[in-house]
Each structure stands twice: as structure tokens, then as C-alpha cells.
Amino acid sequence: MTREKTQKPWGYFEIIGQDQGFKIKKIIILPQKRLSLQRHKHRKEYWVITKGQAKAIKGEKEMNLKQGDSIIIKKEEIHRLENTGHSNLEVFEVELGEYLEEDDIERLEDDFNRV
């Protein structure tokens, strides 16, 4: 099965599975890049680091993650993921909720000036 890559300024993601109430993405974050500081109104997320090392912001906490680590982001919780390594960061993200579209991202801070 060929999956479409959605290019982003920080890397790309592929949707590898979805059904009612969930979506699974493979996310690749390029070295020294990071996602926007954001939150979601309609979904929670579960991240599993499968390659590389990352810094995550989850609410008021900042933590370092490596291969095999996982983290749960609750609805409305402020979060960010950053690739702190020198090779690609690979993350599998499971989104859970009634609405799972990209316009459920509220960006609070963004390196690429996206709204």
C-alpha cells in the first residue's frame, strides 16, 4: 500500500491507518526542527518514539525522550515535540477523538510563522 506523504516545514507525516475515532500517523521530524507549540480541542494524542531523540513539552513539563519512550497528550494540553538529534526523529502518533482533522490545531508559537 502506497501512503501519501504530507510535507511540512519540519519534515513530513504519513497516515498509516484510520477509522471512526482514531488515526495513526508516522511522523518524521528533521534534525534540529520542531513542531509548533500547540493544543487540540477535539483529540488526545499518544506518541511513541521509534527512532532518534526528542525534547517534549507537555503542559508545564519539559522532558527528554528516546527510542521506546511514549507520552500521552490530553485534550487541550499544550504540547510540542522537537528533534534534538542529528538524524531524523521517527514518531508514531495515535490520535483519539470524535474529530481528527488538521484544523483542530491551535498554534500558540511556530518557528515557520503558520497561523
C-alpha atoms as a PDB file:
ATOM      1  CA  MET A   1       0.000   0.000   0.000  1.00  0.00           C
ATOM      2  CA  THR A   2       1.403   3.392  -1.013  1.00  0.00           C
ATOM      3  CA  ARG A   3       0.896   6.111   1.560  1.00  0.00           C
ATOM      4  CA  GLU A   4       0.865   9.784   0.711  1.00  0.00           C
ATOM      5  CA  LYS A   5       3.431  11.952   2.484  1.00  0.00           C
ATOM      6  CA  THR A   6       2.206  15.317   3.712  1.00  0.00           C
ATOM      7  CA  GLN A   7       5.203  17.657   3.625  1.00  0.00           C
ATOM      8  CA  LYS A   8       5.654  20.146   6.441  1.00  0.00           C
ATOM      9  CA  PRO A   9       8.453  22.678   7.049  1.00  0.00           C
ATOM     10  CA  TRP A  10       9.743  20.454   9.890  1.00  0.00           C
ATOM     11  CA  GLY A  11       9.577  17.145   7.935  1.00  0.00           C
ATOM     12  CA  TYR A  12       6.532  15.086   6.944  1.00  0.00           C
ATOM     13  CA  PHE A  13       3.855  12.668   8.105  1.00  0.00           C
ATOM     14  CA  GLU A  14       2.033   9.711   6.610  1.00  0.00           C
ATOM     15  CA  ILE A  15      -1.375   8.440   7.705  1.00  0.00           C
ATOM     16  CA  ILE A  16      -0.900   4.697   8.126  1.00  0.00           C
ATOM     17  CA  GLY A  17      -4.332   3.823   9.495  1.00  0.00           C
ATOM     18  CA  GLN A  18      -7.629   5.369  10.456  1.00  0.00           C
ATOM     19  CA  ASP A  19     -11.200   4.522  11.329  1.00  0.00           C
ATOM     20  CA  GLN A  20     -14.004   6.020  13.370  1.00  0.00           C
ATOM     21  CA  GLY A  21     -12.454   7.729  16.399  1.00  0.00           C
ATOM     22  CA  PHE A  22      -8.757   7.151  15.674  1.00  0.00           C
ATOM     23  CA  LYS A  23      -5.959   7.991  13.247  1.00  0.00           C
ATOM     24  CA  ILE A  24      -2.398   6.635  13.236  1.00  0.00           C
ATOM     25  CA  LYS A  25       0.447   8.692  11.757  1.00  0.00           C
ATOM     26  CA  LYS A  26       4.116   8.061  11.146  1.00  0.00           C
ATOM     27  CA  ILE A  27       5.842  11.405  11.732  1.00  0.00           C
ATOM     28  CA  ILE A  28       9.383  12.257  10.625  1.00  0.00           C
ATOM     29  CA  ILE A  29      10.929  15.390  12.170  1.00  0.00           C
ATOM     30  CA  LEU A  30      14.156  16.590  10.585  1.00  0.00           C
ATOM     31  CA  PRO A  31      17.250  17.209  12.739  1.00  0.00           C
ATOM     32  CA  GLN A  32      17.050  20.343  14.896  1.00  0.00           C
ATOM     33  CA  LYS A  33      13.432  21.063  13.825  1.00  0.00           C
ATOM     34  CA  ARG A  34      10.319  21.175  15.989  1.00  0.00           C
ATOM     35  CA  LEU A  35       6.557  21.208  15.744  1.00  0.00           C
ATOM     36  CA  SER A  36       4.597  24.264  16.778  1.00  0.00           C
ATOM     37  CA  LEU A  37       3.657  24.787  20.401  1.00  0.00           C
ATOM     38  CA  GLN A  38       0.017  23.756  20.147  1.00  0.00           C
ATOM     39  CA  ARG A  39      -3.101  22.218  21.617  1.00  0.00           C
ATOM     40  CA  HIS A  40      -6.201  20.419  20.333  1.00  0.00           C
ATOM     41  CA  LYS A  41      -9.826  20.855  21.366  1.00  0.00           C
ATOM     42  CA  HIS A  42     -11.168  17.593  19.977  1.00  0.00           C
ATOM     43  CA  ARG A  43      -8.495  14.930  20.380  1.00  0.00           C
ATOM     44  CA  LYS A  44      -5.866  13.450  22.592  1.00  0.00           C
ATOM     45  CA  GLU A  45      -2.609  12.038  21.230  1.00  0.00           C
ATOM     46  CA  TYR A  46      -0.325   9.176  22.137  1.00  0.00           C
ATOM     47  CA  TRP A  47       3.284   9.418  20.871  1.00  0.00           C
ATOM     48  CA  VAL A  48       5.795   6.570  20.671  1.00  0.00           C
ATOM     49  CA  ILE A  49       9.402   7.403  19.772  1.00  0.00           C
ATOM     50  CA  THR A  50      10.726   4.703  17.427  1.00  0.00           C
ATOM     51  CA  LYS A  51      13.980   6.345  16.251  1.00  0.00           C
ATOM     52  CA  GLY A  52      16.042   9.262  17.491  1.00  0.00           C
ATOM     53  CA  GLN A  53      15.865  11.562  20.470  1.00  0.00           C
ATOM     54  CA  ALA A  54      13.431  14.321  21.272  1.00  0.00           C
ATOM     55  CA  LYS A  55      12.523  17.064  23.677  1.00  0.00           C
ATOM     56  CA  ALA A  56       8.832  17.216  24.514  1.00  0.00           C
ATOM     57  CA  ILE A  57       6.814  19.933  26.167  1.00  0.00           C
ATOM     58  CA  LYS A  58       3.666  18.635  27.892  1.00  0.00           C
ATOM     59  CA  GLY A  59       1.825  21.297  29.836  1.00  0.00           C
ATOM     60  CA  GLU A  60       4.357  22.859  32.212  1.00  0.00           C
ATOM     61  CA  LYS A  61       6.789  19.926  31.929  1.00  0.00           C
ATOM     62  CA  GLU A  62       9.767  19.550  29.599  1.00  0.00           C
ATOM     63  CA  MET A  63      11.208  16.067  29.119  1.00  0.00           C
ATOM     64  CA  ASN A  64      13.768  14.229  27.020  1.00  0.00           C
ATOM     65  CA  LEU A  65      12.555  11.174  25.115  1.00  0.00           C
ATOM     66  CA  LYS A  66      14.418   8.408  23.283  1.00  0.00           C
ATOM     67  CA  GLN A  67      13.591   5.263  21.319  1.00  0.00           C
ATOM     68  CA  GLY A  68      10.967   3.235  23.163  1.00  0.00           C
ATOM     69  CA  ASP A  69       9.615   6.142  25.212  1.00  0.00           C
ATOM     70  CA  SER A  70       5.980   7.196  24.963  1.00  0.00           C
ATOM     71  CA  ILE A  71       3.818  10.045  26.141  1.00  0.00           C
ATOM     72  CA  ILE A  72       0.090  10.854  26.282  1.00  0.00           C
ATOM     73  CA  ILE A  73      -1.149  14.351  25.435  1.00  0.00           C
ATOM     74  CA  LYS A  74      -4.632  15.130  26.801  1.00  0.00           C
ATOM     75  CA  LYS A  75      -7.238  17.264  25.027  1.00  0.00           C
ATOM     76  CA  GLU A  76      -6.480  20.977  25.471  1.00  0.00           C
ATOM     77  CA  GLU A  77      -2.980  20.226  26.848  1.00  0.00           C
ATOM     78  CA  ILE A  78      -0.239  22.474  25.446  1.00  0.00           C
ATOM     79  CA  HIS A  79       2.476  20.420  23.779  1.00  0.00           C
ATOM     80  CA  ARG A  80       5.431  20.430  21.397  1.00  0.00           C
ATOM     81  CA  LEU A  81       7.890  17.863  20.044  1.00  0.00           C
ATOM     82  CA  GLU A  82      11.431  18.763  18.976  1.00  0.00           C
ATOM     83  CA  ASN A  83      14.155  16.701  17.306  1.00  0.00           C
ATOM     84  CA  THR A  84      17.285  17.367  19.370  1.00  0.00           C
ATOM     85  CA  GLY A  85      19.415  14.858  17.442  1.00  0.00           C
ATOM     86  CA  HIS A  86      21.454  14.880  14.251  1.00  0.00           C
ATOM     87  CA  SER A  87      19.347  12.300  12.391  1.00  0.00           C
ATOM     88  CA  ASN A  88      15.627  12.068  11.665  1.00  0.00           C
ATOM     89  CA  LEU A  89      13.249  11.593  14.591  1.00  0.00           C
ATOM     90  CA  GLU A  90      10.579   8.945  13.916  1.00  0.00           C
ATOM     91  CA  VAL A  91       7.397   9.045  15.963  1.00  0.00           C
ATOM     92  CA  PHE A  92       4.186   7.075  15.715  1.00  0.00           C
ATOM     93  CA  GLU A  93       1.197   9.148  16.795  1.00  0.00           C
ATOM     94  CA  VAL A  94      -2.214   7.753  17.636  1.00  0.00           C
ATOM     95  CA  GLU A  95      -4.929  10.407  17.644  1.00  0.00           C
ATOM     96  CA  LEU A  96      -8.122   9.588  19.549  1.00  0.00           C
ATOM     97  CA  GLY A  97     -11.323  11.623  19.424  1.00  0.00           C
ATOM     98  CA  GLU A  98     -14.501  12.448  17.572  1.00  0.00           C
ATOM     99  CA  TYR A  99     -12.810  14.994  15.261  1.00  0.00           C
ATOM    100  CA  LEU A 100      -9.301  14.304  13.911  1.00  0.00           C
ATOM    101  CA  GLU A 101      -8.715  16.843  11.134  1.00  0.00           C
ATOM    102  CA  GLU A 102      -5.657  19.106  10.847  1.00  0.00           C
ATOM    103  CA  ASP A 103      -7.705  22.262  11.510  1.00  0.00           C
ATOM    104  CA  ASP A 104      -8.005  21.136  15.151  1.00  0.00           C
ATOM    105  CA  ILE A 105      -4.507  22.546  15.728  1.00  0.00           C
ATOM    106  CA  GLU A 106      -4.355  25.768  17.713  1.00  0.00           C
ATOM    107  CA  ARG A 107      -0.801  27.076  17.251  1.00  0.00           C
ATOM    108  CA  LEU A 108       0.477  29.153  20.154  1.00  0.00           C
ATOM    109  CA  GLU A 109       4.041  29.548  18.833  1.00  0.00           C
ATOM    110  CA  ASP A 110       5.506  28.469  15.495  1.00  0.00           C
ATOM    111  CA  ASP A 111       9.027  28.627  14.000  1.00  0.00           C
ATOM    112  CA  PHE A 112       7.536  28.848  10.492  1.00  0.00           C
ATOM    113  CA  ASN A 113       5.007  31.656  11.129  1.00  0.00           C
ATOM    114  CA  ARG A 114       1.973  29.484  10.441  1.00  0.00           C
ATOM    115  CA  VAL A 115      -1.355  30.561  11.938  1.00  0.00           C
END
